[in-house]
Amino acid sequence: MIEGARGCAVVVEGIELARREGAFGELRQIDCPLRIAYGERDWLIPWPGAYERLQRMLPDAEYVGLPDCGHLPMWDDPELVARTILEVTRPVAPVVSPAT
């Protein structure tokens, strides 16, 4: 995975953006429920220090720690990650397109 990322232009652009503008760039207004999940054992992007700017930019977001998860929580506990996402997305009614 690391070897593949090394030659990926998007990864290089993302790193350069983070150096210039901070880890998250600038965000527009978000008008839907927003949950930001983070691995409580993430040593690359640790809570809370690495999230201070994001918390200022998104003060109404819900921040949820995933216990026993590191930088890639979907590898550590995929079921917990799925539940964490579905708790927010399941209550939203799907958009139904009118029949043609």
PDB file of N, CA and C in Angstrom:
ATOM      1  N   MET A   1       0.834  -1.192   0.000  1.00  0.00           N
ATOM      2  CA  MET A   1       0.000   0.000   0.000  1.00  0.00           C
ATOM      3  C   MET A   1       0.882   1.261   0.000  1.00  0.00           C
ATOM      4  N   ILE A   2       1.894   1.269   0.830  1.00  0.00           N
ATOM      5  CA  ILE A   2       2.776   2.438   0.901  1.00  0.00           C
ATOM      6  C   ILE A   2       3.526   2.606  -0.412  1.00  0.00           C
ATOM      7  N   GLU A   3       3.984   1.509  -0.980  1.00  0.00           N
ATOM      8  CA  GLU A   3       4.698   1.563  -2.254  1.00  0.00           C
ATOM      9  C   GLU A   3       3.789   2.136  -3.341  1.00  0.00           C
ATOM     10  N   GLY A   4       2.517   1.728  -3.360  1.00  0.00           N
ATOM     11  CA  GLY A   4       1.570   2.245  -4.344  1.00  0.00           C
ATOM     12  C   GLY A   4       1.319   3.733  -4.158  1.00  0.00           C
ATOM     13  N   ALA A   5       1.239   4.184  -2.917  1.00  0.00           N
ATOM     14  CA  ALA A   5       0.977   5.598  -2.641  1.00  0.00           C
ATOM     15  C   ALA A   5       2.162   6.477  -3.031  1.00  0.00           C
ATOM     16  N   ARG A   6       3.351   5.912  -2.968  1.00  0.00           N
ATOM     17  CA  ARG A   6       4.558   6.696  -3.259  1.00  0.00           C
ATOM     18  C   ARG A   6       4.520   7.317  -4.657  1.00  0.00           C
ATOM     19  N   GLY A   7       4.002   6.602  -5.638  1.00  0.00           N
ATOM     20  CA  GLY A   7       3.971   7.118  -6.999  1.00  0.00           C
ATOM     21  C   GLY A   7       2.640   7.729  -7.400  1.00  0.00           C
ATOM     22  N   CYS A   8       1.726   7.874  -6.460  1.00  0.00           N
ATOM     23  CA  CYS A   8       0.380   8.377  -6.778  1.00  0.00           C
ATOM     24  C   CYS A   8       0.367   9.911  -6.721  1.00  0.00           C
ATOM     25  N   ALA A   9       0.001  10.542  -7.828  1.00  0.00           N
ATOM     26  CA  ALA A   9      -0.018  12.011  -7.900  1.00  0.00           C
ATOM     27  C   ALA A   9      -0.969  12.614  -6.873  1.00  0.00           C
ATOM     28  N   VAL A  10      -2.095  11.970  -6.601  1.00  0.00           N
ATOM     29  CA  VAL A  10      -3.073  12.518  -5.654  1.00  0.00           C
ATOM     30  C   VAL A  10      -2.477  12.563  -4.249  1.00  0.00           C
ATOM     31  N   VAL A  11      -1.713  11.548  -3.879  1.00  0.00           N
ATOM     32  CA  VAL A  11      -1.081  11.533  -2.564  1.00  0.00           C
ATOM     33  C   VAL A  11      -0.078  12.681  -2.461  1.00  0.00           C
ATOM     34  N   VAL A  12       0.731  12.852  -3.480  1.00  0.00           N
ATOM     35  CA  VAL A  12       1.725  13.925  -3.480  1.00  0.00           C
ATOM     36  C   VAL A  12       1.025  15.284  -3.402  1.00  0.00           C
ATOM     37  N   GLU A  13      -0.036  15.473  -4.182  1.00  0.00           N
ATOM     38  CA  GLU A  13      -0.787  16.736  -4.136  1.00  0.00           C
ATOM     39  C   GLU A  13      -1.400  16.963  -2.758  1.00  0.00           C
ATOM     40  N   GLY A  14      -1.925  15.913  -2.153  1.00  0.00           N
ATOM     41  CA  GLY A  14      -2.515  16.037  -0.824  1.00  0.00           C
ATOM     42  C   GLY A  14      -1.498  16.428   0.225  1.00  0.00           C
ATOM     43  N   ILE A  15      -0.319  15.856   0.151  1.00  0.00           N
ATOM     44  CA  ILE A  15       0.743  16.209   1.096  1.00  0.00           C
ATOM     45  C   ILE A  15       1.160  17.657   0.914  1.00  0.00           C
ATOM     46  N   GLU A  16       1.295  18.097  -0.328  1.00  0.00           N
ATOM     47  CA  GLU A  16       1.658  19.492  -0.594  1.00  0.00           C
ATOM     48  C   GLU A  16       0.568  20.448  -0.099  1.00  0.00           C
ATOM     49  N   LEU A  17      -0.697  20.104  -0.312  1.00  0.00           N
ATOM     50  CA  LEU A  17      -1.807  20.925   0.176  1.00  0.00           C
ATOM     51  C   LEU A  17      -1.760  21.025   1.693  1.00  0.00           C
ATOM     52  N   ALA A  18      -1.531  19.903   2.360  1.00  0.00           N
ATOM     53  CA  ALA A  18      -1.469  19.911   3.818  1.00  0.00           C
ATOM     54  C   ALA A  18      -0.326  20.788   4.316  1.00  0.00           C
ATOM     55  N   ARG A  19       0.785  20.783   3.622  1.00  0.00           N
ATOM     56  CA  ARG A  19       1.922  21.634   4.009  1.00  0.00           C
ATOM     57  C   ARG A  19       1.586  23.110   3.847  1.00  0.00           C
ATOM     58  N   ARG A  20       0.892  23.446   2.748  1.00  0.00           N
ATOM     59  CA  ARG A  20       0.570  24.848   2.463  1.00  0.00           C
ATOM     60  C   ARG A  20      -0.584  25.367   3.302  1.00  0.00           C
ATOM     61  N   GLU A  21      -1.655  24.587   3.407  1.00  0.00           N
ATOM     62  CA  GLU A  21      -2.907  25.110   3.968  1.00  0.00           C
ATOM     63  C   GLU A  21      -3.386  24.393   5.213  1.00  0.00           C
ATOM     64  N   GLY A  22      -2.627  23.503   5.741  1.00  0.00           N
ATOM     65  CA  GLY A  22      -3.081  22.724   6.887  1.00  0.00           C
ATOM     66  C   GLY A  22      -3.731  21.444   6.400  1.00  0.00           C
ATOM     67  N   ALA A  23      -3.944  20.547   7.299  1.00  0.00           N
ATOM     68  CA  ALA A  23      -4.388  19.204   6.933  1.00  0.00           C
ATOM     69  C   ALA A  23      -5.727  19.153   6.214  1.00  0.00           C
ATOM     70  N   PHE A  24      -6.608  20.116   6.423  1.00  0.00           N
ATOM     71  CA  PHE A  24      -7.949  19.992   5.874  1.00  0.00           C
ATOM     72  C   PHE A  24      -8.309  21.057   4.850  1.00  0.00           C
ATOM     73  N   GLY A  25      -7.386  21.949   4.505  1.00  0.00           N
ATOM     74  CA  GLY A  25      -7.713  23.008   3.560  1.00  0.00           C
ATOM     75  C   GLY A  25      -8.836  23.869   4.110  1.00  0.00           C
ATOM     76  N   GLU A  26      -9.620  24.458   3.243  1.00  0.00           N
ATOM     77  CA  GLU A  26     -10.771  25.252   3.657  1.00  0.00           C
ATOM     78  C   GLU A  26     -12.041  24.478   3.315  1.00  0.00           C
ATOM     79  N   LEU A  27     -13.022  24.565   4.177  1.00  0.00           N
ATOM     80  CA  LEU A  27     -14.276  23.841   3.975  1.00  0.00           C
ATOM     81  C   LEU A  27     -15.421  24.822   3.815  1.00  0.00           C
ATOM     82  N   ARG A  28     -16.369  24.457   2.965  1.00  0.00           N
ATOM     83  CA  ARG A  28     -17.588  25.255   2.829  1.00  0.00           C
ATOM     84  C   ARG A  28     -18.583  24.824   3.905  1.00  0.00           C
ATOM     85  N   GLN A  29     -19.693  25.537   3.989  1.00  0.00           N
ATOM     86  CA  GLN A  29     -20.752  25.225   4.935  1.00  0.00           C
ATOM     87  C   GLN A  29     -21.250  23.804   4.682  1.00  0.00           C
ATOM     88  N   ILE A  30     -21.420  23.043   5.730  1.00  0.00           N
ATOM     89  CA  ILE A  30     -21.946  21.681   5.629  1.00  0.00           C
ATOM     90  C   ILE A  30     -23.306  21.682   6.301  1.00  0.00           C
ATOM     91  N   ASP A  31     -24.347  21.313   5.570  1.00  0.00           N
ATOM     92  CA  ASP A  31     -25.712  21.431   6.085  1.00  0.00           C
ATOM     93  C   ASP A  31     -26.384  20.073   6.284  1.00  0.00           C
ATOM     94  N   CYS A  32     -25.629  19.088   6.680  1.00  0.00           N
ATOM     95  CA  CYS A  32     -26.191  17.777   6.988  1.00  0.00           C
ATOM     96  C   CYS A  32     -25.515  17.281   8.263  1.00  0.00           C
ATOM     97  N   PRO A  33     -26.087  16.248   8.876  1.00  0.00           N
ATOM     98  CA  PRO A  33     -25.427  15.709  10.076  1.00  0.00           C
ATOM     99  C   PRO A  33     -23.993  15.303   9.741  1.00  0.00           C
ATOM    100  N   LEU A  34     -23.080  15.627  10.621  1.00  0.00           N
ATOM    101  CA  LEU A  34     -21.675  15.364  10.357  1.00  0.00           C
ATOM    102  C   LEU A  34     -21.045  14.681  11.559  1.00  0.00           C
ATOM    103  N   ARG A  35     -20.545  13.496  11.330  1.00  0.00           N
ATOM    104  CA  ARG A  35     -19.854  12.732  12.364  1.00  0.00           C
ATOM    105  C   ARG A  35     -18.436  12.471  11.879  1.00  0.00           C
ATOM    106  N   ILE A  36     -17.482  12.814  12.707  1.00  0.00           N
ATOM    107  CA  ILE A  36     -16.081  12.569  12.378  1.00  0.00           C
ATOM    108  C   ILE A  36     -15.573  11.533  13.369  1.00  0.00           C
ATOM    109  N   ALA A  37     -15.232  10.380  12.836  1.00  0.00           N
ATOM    110  CA  ALA A  37     -14.732   9.290  13.669  1.00  0.00           C
ATOM    111  C   ALA A  37     -13.215   9.228  13.552  1.00  0.00           C
ATOM    112  N   TYR A  38     -12.579   8.929  14.651  1.00  0.00           N
ATOM    113  CA  TYR A  38     -11.119   8.856  14.672  1.00  0.00           C
ATOM    114  C   TYR A  38     -10.705   7.665  15.533  1.00  0.00           C
ATOM    115  N   GLY A  39      -9.594   7.065  15.164  1.00  0.00           N
ATOM    116  CA  GLY A  39      -9.053   5.979  15.967  1.00  0.00           C
ATOM    117  C   GLY A  39      -8.404   6.528  17.227  1.00  0.00           C
ATOM    118  N   GLU A  40      -8.817   6.028  18.358  1.00  0.00           N
ATOM    119  CA  GLU A  40      -8.261   6.511  19.623  1.00  0.00           C
ATOM    120  C   GLU A  40      -6.787   6.144  19.784  1.00  0.00           C
ATOM    121  N   ARG A  41      -6.302   5.205  18.996  1.00  0.00           N
ATOM    122  CA  ARG A  41      -4.889   4.816  19.059  1.00  0.00           C
ATOM    123  C   ARG A  41      -4.134   5.238  17.799  1.00  0.00           C
ATOM    124  N   ASP A  42      -4.650   6.241  17.086  1.00  0.00           N
ATOM    125  CA  ASP A  42      -3.995   6.747  15.878  1.00  0.00           C
ATOM    126  C   ASP A  42      -2.790   7.594  16.280  1.00  0.00           C
ATOM    127  N   TRP A  43      -1.598   7.137  15.955  1.00  0.00           N
ATOM    128  CA  TRP A  43      -0.389   7.861  16.297  1.00  0.00           C
ATOM    129  C   TRP A  43       0.024   8.815  15.190  1.00  0.00           C
ATOM    130  N   LEU A  44      -0.550   8.683  13.989  1.00  0.00           N
ATOM    131  CA  LEU A  44      -0.210   9.585  12.886  1.00  0.00           C
ATOM    132  C   LEU A  44      -1.019  10.879  12.955  1.00  0.00           C
ATOM    133  N   ILE A  45      -2.310  10.744  13.252  1.00  0.00           N
ATOM    134  CA  ILE A  45      -3.199  11.905  13.371  1.00  0.00           C
ATOM    135  C   ILE A  45      -3.897  11.773  14.729  1.00  0.00           C
ATOM    136  N   PRO A  46      -3.194  12.119  15.801  1.00  0.00           N
ATOM    137  CA  PRO A  46      -3.717  11.858  17.139  1.00  0.00           C
ATOM    138  C   PRO A  46      -4.799  12.842  17.584  1.00  0.00           C
ATOM    139  N   TRP A  47      -5.755  12.322  18.313  1.00  0.00           N
ATOM    140  CA  TRP A  47      -6.791  13.115  18.960  1.00  0.00           C
ATOM    141  C   TRP A  47      -6.225  13.603  20.287  1.00  0.00           C
ATOM    142  N   PRO A  48      -6.486  14.808  20.707  1.00  0.00           N
ATOM    143  CA  PRO A  48      -7.260  15.852  20.057  1.00  0.00           C
ATOM    144  C   PRO A  48      -6.404  16.830  19.261  1.00  0.00           C
ATOM    145  N   GLY A  49      -5.108  16.826  19.496  1.00  0.00           N
ATOM    146  CA  GLY A  49      -4.229  17.843  18.913  1.00  0.00           C
ATOM    147  C   GLY A  49      -4.351  18.019  17.416  1.00  0.00           C
ATOM    148  N   ALA A  50      -4.379  16.936  16.677  1.00  0.00           N
ATOM    149  CA  ALA A  50      -4.426  17.036  15.215  1.00  0.00           C
ATOM    150  C   ALA A  50      -5.787  17.489  14.710  1.00  0.00           C
ATOM    151  N   TYR A  51      -6.776  17.536  15.575  1.00  0.00           N
ATOM    152  CA  TYR A  51      -8.130  17.893  15.153  1.00  0.00           C
ATOM    153  C   TYR A  51      -8.556  19.288  15.592  1.00  0.00           C
ATOM    154  N   GLU A  52      -7.669  20.031  16.225  1.00  0.00           N
ATOM    155  CA  GLU A  52      -8.057  21.342  16.755  1.00  0.00           C
ATOM    156  C   GLU A  52      -8.565  22.277  15.668  1.00  0.00           C
ATOM    157  N   ARG A  53      -7.862  22.335  14.548  1.00  0.00           N
ATOM    158  CA  ARG A  53      -8.302  23.210  13.449  1.00  0.00           C
ATOM    159  C   ARG A  53      -9.626  22.736  12.874  1.00  0.00           C
ATOM    160  N   LEU A  54      -9.767  21.442  12.718  1.00  0.00           N
ATOM    161  CA  LEU A  54     -11.021  20.886  12.190  1.00  0.00           C
ATOM    162  C   LEU A  54     -12.170  21.195  13.142  1.00  0.00           C
ATOM    163  N   GLN A  55     -11.947  21.126  14.432  1.00  0.00           N
ATOM    164  CA  GLN A  55     -13.000  21.447  15.399  1.00  0.00           C
ATOM    165  C   GLN A  55     -13.394  22.920  15.321  1.00  0.00           C
ATOM    166  N   ARG A  56     -12.439  23.793  15.044  1.00  0.00           N
ATOM    167  CA  ARG A  56     -12.786  25.214  14.868  1.00  0.00           C
ATOM    168  C   ARG A  56     -13.601  25.409  13.592  1.00  0.00           C
ATOM    169  N   MET A  57     -13.242  24.682  12.526  1.00  0.00           N
ATOM    170  CA  MET A  57     -13.933  24.823  11.246  1.00  0.00           C
ATOM    171  C   MET A  57     -15.315  24.163  11.266  1.00  0.00           C
ATOM    172  N   LEU A  58     -15.468  23.107  12.049  1.00  0.00           N
ATOM    173  CA  LEU A  58     -16.717  22.343  12.098  1.00  0.00           C
ATOM    174  C   LEU A  58     -17.165  22.172  13.545  1.00  0.00           C
ATOM    175  N   PRO A  59     -17.550  23.274  14.193  1.00  0.00           N
ATOM    176  CA  PRO A  59     -17.879  23.194  15.621  1.00  0.00           C
ATOM    177  C   PRO A  59     -19.133  22.381  15.922  1.00  0.00           C
ATOM    178  N   ASP A  60     -20.021  22.216  14.944  1.00  0.00           N
ATOM    179  CA  ASP A  60     -21.256  21.477  15.185  1.00  0.00           C
ATOM    180  C   ASP A  60     -21.134  19.990  14.884  1.00  0.00           C
ATOM    181  N   ALA A  61     -19.979  19.564  14.403  1.00  0.00           N
ATOM    182  CA  ALA A  61     -19.782  18.150  14.090  1.00  0.00           C
ATOM    183  C   ALA A  61     -19.735  17.337  15.376  1.00  0.00           C
ATOM    184  N   GLU A  62     -20.112  16.089  15.246  1.00  0.00           N
ATOM    185  CA  GLU A  62     -19.988  15.143  16.347  1.00  0.00           C
ATOM    186  C   GLU A  62     -18.664  14.389  16.142  1.00  0.00           C
ATOM    187  N   TYR A  63     -17.846  14.357  17.167  1.00  0.00           N
ATOM    188  CA  TYR A  63     -16.553  13.671  17.093  1.00  0.00           C
ATOM    189  C   TYR A  63     -16.646  12.395  17.924  1.00  0.00           C
ATOM    190  N   VAL A  64     -16.360  11.257  17.288  1.00  0.00           N
ATOM    191  CA  VAL A  64     -16.530   9.963  17.930  1.00  0.00           C
ATOM    192  C   VAL A  64     -15.207   9.202  17.908  1.00  0.00           C
ATOM    193  N   GLY A  65     -14.724   8.858  19.090  1.00  0.00           N
ATOM    194  CA  GLY A  65     -13.515   8.055  19.184  1.00  0.00           C
ATOM    195  C   GLY A  65     -13.832   6.581  19.011  1.00  0.00           C
ATOM    196  N   LEU A  66     -13.006   5.899  18.236  1.00  0.00           N
ATOM    197  CA  LEU A  66     -13.164   4.469  18.021  1.00  0.00           C
ATOM    198  C   LEU A  66     -12.118   3.746  18.861  1.00  0.00           C
ATOM    199  N   PRO A  67     -12.559   3.098  19.953  1.00  0.00           N
ATOM    200  CA  PRO A  67     -11.596   2.467  20.862  1.00  0.00           C
ATOM    201  C   PRO A  67     -10.835   1.329  20.184  1.00  0.00           C
ATOM    202  N   ASP A  68      -9.597   1.174  20.595  1.00  0.00           N
ATOM    203  CA  ASP A  68      -8.722   0.101  20.083  1.00  0.00           C
ATOM    204  C   ASP A  68      -8.497   0.181  18.582  1.00  0.00           C
ATOM    205  N   CYS A  69      -8.676   1.360  17.994  1.00  0.00           N
ATOM    206  CA  CYS A  69      -8.454   1.546  16.561  1.00  0.00           C
ATOM    207  C   CYS A  69      -7.314   2.540  16.358  1.00  0.00           C
ATOM    208  N   GLY A  70      -6.520   2.278  15.330  1.00  0.00           N
ATOM    209  CA  GLY A  70      -5.416   3.154  14.998  1.00  0.00           C
ATOM    210  C   GLY A  70      -5.749   4.028  13.809  1.00  0.00           C
ATOM    211  N   HIS A  71      -4.760   4.286  12.957  1.00  0.00           N
ATOM    212  CA  HIS A  71      -4.900   5.192  11.823  1.00  0.00           C
ATOM    213  C   HIS A  71      -5.864   4.671  10.759  1.00  0.00           C
ATOM    214  N   LEU A  72      -5.998   3.371  10.651  1.00  0.00           N
ATOM    215  CA  LEU A  72      -6.908   2.763   9.674  1.00  0.00           C
ATOM    216  C   LEU A  72      -7.944   1.920  10.417  1.00  0.00           C
ATOM    217  N   PRO A  73      -8.922   2.581  11.043  1.00  0.00           N
ATOM    218  CA  PRO A  73      -9.872   1.843  11.875  1.00  0.00           C
ATOM    219  C   PRO A  73     -10.687   0.807  11.105  1.00  0.00           C
ATOM    220  N   MET A  74     -10.853   1.006   9.799  1.00  0.00           N
ATOM    221  CA  MET A  74     -11.610   0.030   9.024  1.00  0.00           C
ATOM    222  C   MET A  74     -10.870  -1.292   8.927  1.00  0.00           C
ATOM    223  N   TRP A  75      -9.574  -1.297   9.151  1.00  0.00           N
ATOM    224  CA  TRP A  75      -8.809  -2.544   9.219  1.00  0.00           C
ATOM    225  C   TRP A  75      -8.883  -3.131  10.625  1.00  0.00           C
ATOM    226  N   ASP A  76      -8.864  -2.264  11.632  1.00  0.00           N
ATOM    227  CA  ASP A  76      -8.863  -2.731  13.020  1.00  0.00           C
ATOM    228  C   ASP A  76     -10.214  -3.288  13.458  1.00  0.00           C
ATOM    229  N   ASP A  77     -11.292  -2.630  13.066  1.00  0.00           N
ATOM    230  CA  ASP A  77     -12.629  -3.060  13.499  1.00  0.00           C
ATOM    231  C   ASP A  77     -13.662  -2.620  12.457  1.00  0.00           C
ATOM    232  N   PRO A  78     -13.747  -3.342  11.327  1.00  0.00           N
ATOM    233  CA  PRO A  78     -14.658  -2.926  10.254  1.00  0.00           C
ATOM    234  C   PRO A  78     -16.131  -2.859  10.687  1.00  0.00           C
ATOM    235  N   GLU A  79     -16.539  -3.733  11.588  1.00  0.00           N
ATOM    236  CA  GLU A  79     -17.935  -3.702  12.040  1.00  0.00           C
ATOM    237  C   GLU A  79     -18.228  -2.443  12.839  1.00  0.00           C
ATOM    238  N   LEU A  80     -17.304  -2.028  13.695  1.00  0.00           N
ATOM    239  CA  LEU A  80     -17.475  -0.785  14.462  1.00  0.00           C
ATOM    240  C   LEU A  80     -17.546   0.414  13.531  1.00  0.00           C
ATOM    241  N   VAL A  81     -16.696   0.447  12.529  1.00  0.00           N
ATOM    242  CA  VAL A  81     -16.702   1.555  11.572  1.00  0.00           C
ATOM    243  C   VAL A  81     -18.029   1.595  10.831  1.00  0.00           C
ATOM    244  N   ALA A  82     -18.513   0.447  10.371  1.00  0.00           N
ATOM    245  CA  ALA A  82     -19.803   0.398   9.659  1.00  0.00           C
ATOM    246  C   ALA A  82     -20.936   0.869  10.562  1.00  0.00           C
ATOM    247  N   ARG A  83     -20.970   0.407  11.809  1.00  0.00           N
ATOM    248  CA  ARG A  83     -22.025   0.848  12.739  1.00  0.00           C
ATOM    249  C   ARG A  83     -21.951   2.351  12.983  1.00  0.00           C
ATOM    250  N   THR A  84     -20.736   2.866  13.129  1.00  0.00           N
ATOM    251  CA  THR A  84     -20.543   4.293  13.396  1.00  0.00           C
ATOM    252  C   THR A  84     -21.069   5.136  12.239  1.00  0.00           C
ATOM    253  N   ILE A  85     -20.860   4.675  11.027  1.00  0.00           N
ATOM    254  CA  ILE A  85     -21.368   5.385   9.845  1.00  0.00           C
ATOM    255  C   ILE A  85     -22.882   5.236   9.741  1.00  0.00           C
ATOM    256  N   LEU A  86     -23.374   4.028   9.897  1.00  0.00           N
ATOM    257  CA  LEU A  86     -24.812   3.778   9.722  1.00  0.00           C
ATOM    258  C   LEU A  86     -25.668   4.469  10.773  1.00  0.00           C
ATOM    259  N   GLU A  87     -25.147   4.693  11.965  1.00  0.00           N
ATOM    260  CA  GLU A  87     -25.907   5.410  12.992  1.00  0.00           C
ATOM    261  C   GLU A  87     -26.284   6.811  12.529  1.00  0.00           C
ATOM    262  N   VAL A  88     -25.483   7.381  11.659  1.00  0.00           N
ATOM    263  CA  VAL A  88     -25.739   8.736  11.161  1.00  0.00           C
ATOM    264  C   VAL A  88     -26.498   8.695   9.838  1.00  0.00           C
ATOM    265  N   THR A  89     -26.151   7.760   8.972  1.00  0.00           N
ATOM    266  CA  THR A  89     -26.732   7.757   7.629  1.00  0.00           C
ATOM    267  C   THR A  89     -28.068   7.040   7.545  1.00  0.00           C
ATOM    268  N   ARG A  90     -28.307   6.060   8.387  1.00  0.00           N
ATOM    269  CA  ARG A  90     -29.544   5.287   8.323  1.00  0.00           C
ATOM    270  C   ARG A  90     -30.794   6.158   8.534  1.00  0.00           C
ATOM    271  N   PRO A  91     -30.794   7.123   9.473  1.00  0.00           N
ATOM    272  CA  PRO A  91     -32.005   7.931   9.682  1.00  0.00           C
ATOM    273  C   PRO A  91     -32.380   8.849   8.520  1.00  0.00           C
ATOM    274  N   VAL A  92     -31.476   9.080   7.595  1.00  0.00           N
ATOM    275  CA  VAL A  92     -31.747   9.991   6.485  1.00  0.00           C
ATOM    276  C   VAL A  92     -32.530   9.249   5.417  1.00  0.00           C
ATOM    277  N   ALA A  93     -33.684   9.791   5.051  1.00  0.00           N
ATOM    278  CA  ALA A  93     -34.519   9.161   4.028  1.00  0.00           C
ATOM    279  C   ALA A  93     -33.831   9.230   2.674  1.00  0.00           C
ATOM    280  N   PRO A  94     -33.881   8.147   1.912  1.00  0.00           N
ATOM    281  CA  PRO A  94     -33.252   8.180   0.578  1.00  0.00           C
ATOM    282  C   PRO A  94     -34.010   9.111  -0.364  1.00  0.00           C
ATOM    283  N   VAL A  95     -33.284   9.678  -1.300  1.00  0.00           N
ATOM    284  CA  VAL A  95     -33.886  10.525  -2.318  1.00  0.00           C
ATOM    285  C   VAL A  95     -34.439   9.611  -3.399  1.00  0.00           C
ATOM    286  N   VAL A  96     -35.702   9.775  -3.705  1.00  0.00           N
ATOM    287  CA  VAL A  96     -36.323   8.938  -4.731  1.00  0.00           C
ATOM    288  C   VAL A  96     -36.570   9.786  -5.954  1.00  0.00           C
ATOM    289  N   SER A  97     -36.066   9.318  -7.089  1.00  0.00           N
ATOM    290  CA  SER A  97     -36.268  10.032  -8.346  1.00  0.00           C
ATOM    291  C   SER A  97     -37.674   9.765  -8.853  1.00  0.00           C
ATOM    292  N   PRO A  98     -38.329  10.792  -9.434  1.00  0.00           N
ATOM    293  CA  PRO A  98     -39.670  10.574  -9.976  1.00  0.00           C
ATOM    294  C   PRO A  98     -39.597   9.592 -11.152  1.00  0.00           C
ATOM    295  N   ALA A  99     -40.621   8.774 -11.271  1.00  0.00           N
ATOM    296  CA  ALA A  99     -40.676   7.809 -12.373  1.00  0.00           C
ATOM    297  C   ALA A  99     -40.790   8.550 -13.711  1.00  0.00           C
ATOM    298  N   THR A 100     -40.123   8.010 -14.698  1.00  0.00           N
ATOM    299  CA  THR A 100     -40.181   8.651 -16.019  1.00  0.00           C
ATOM    300  C   THR A 100     -41.118   7.924 -16.925  1.00  0.00           C
TER     301      THR A 100
END
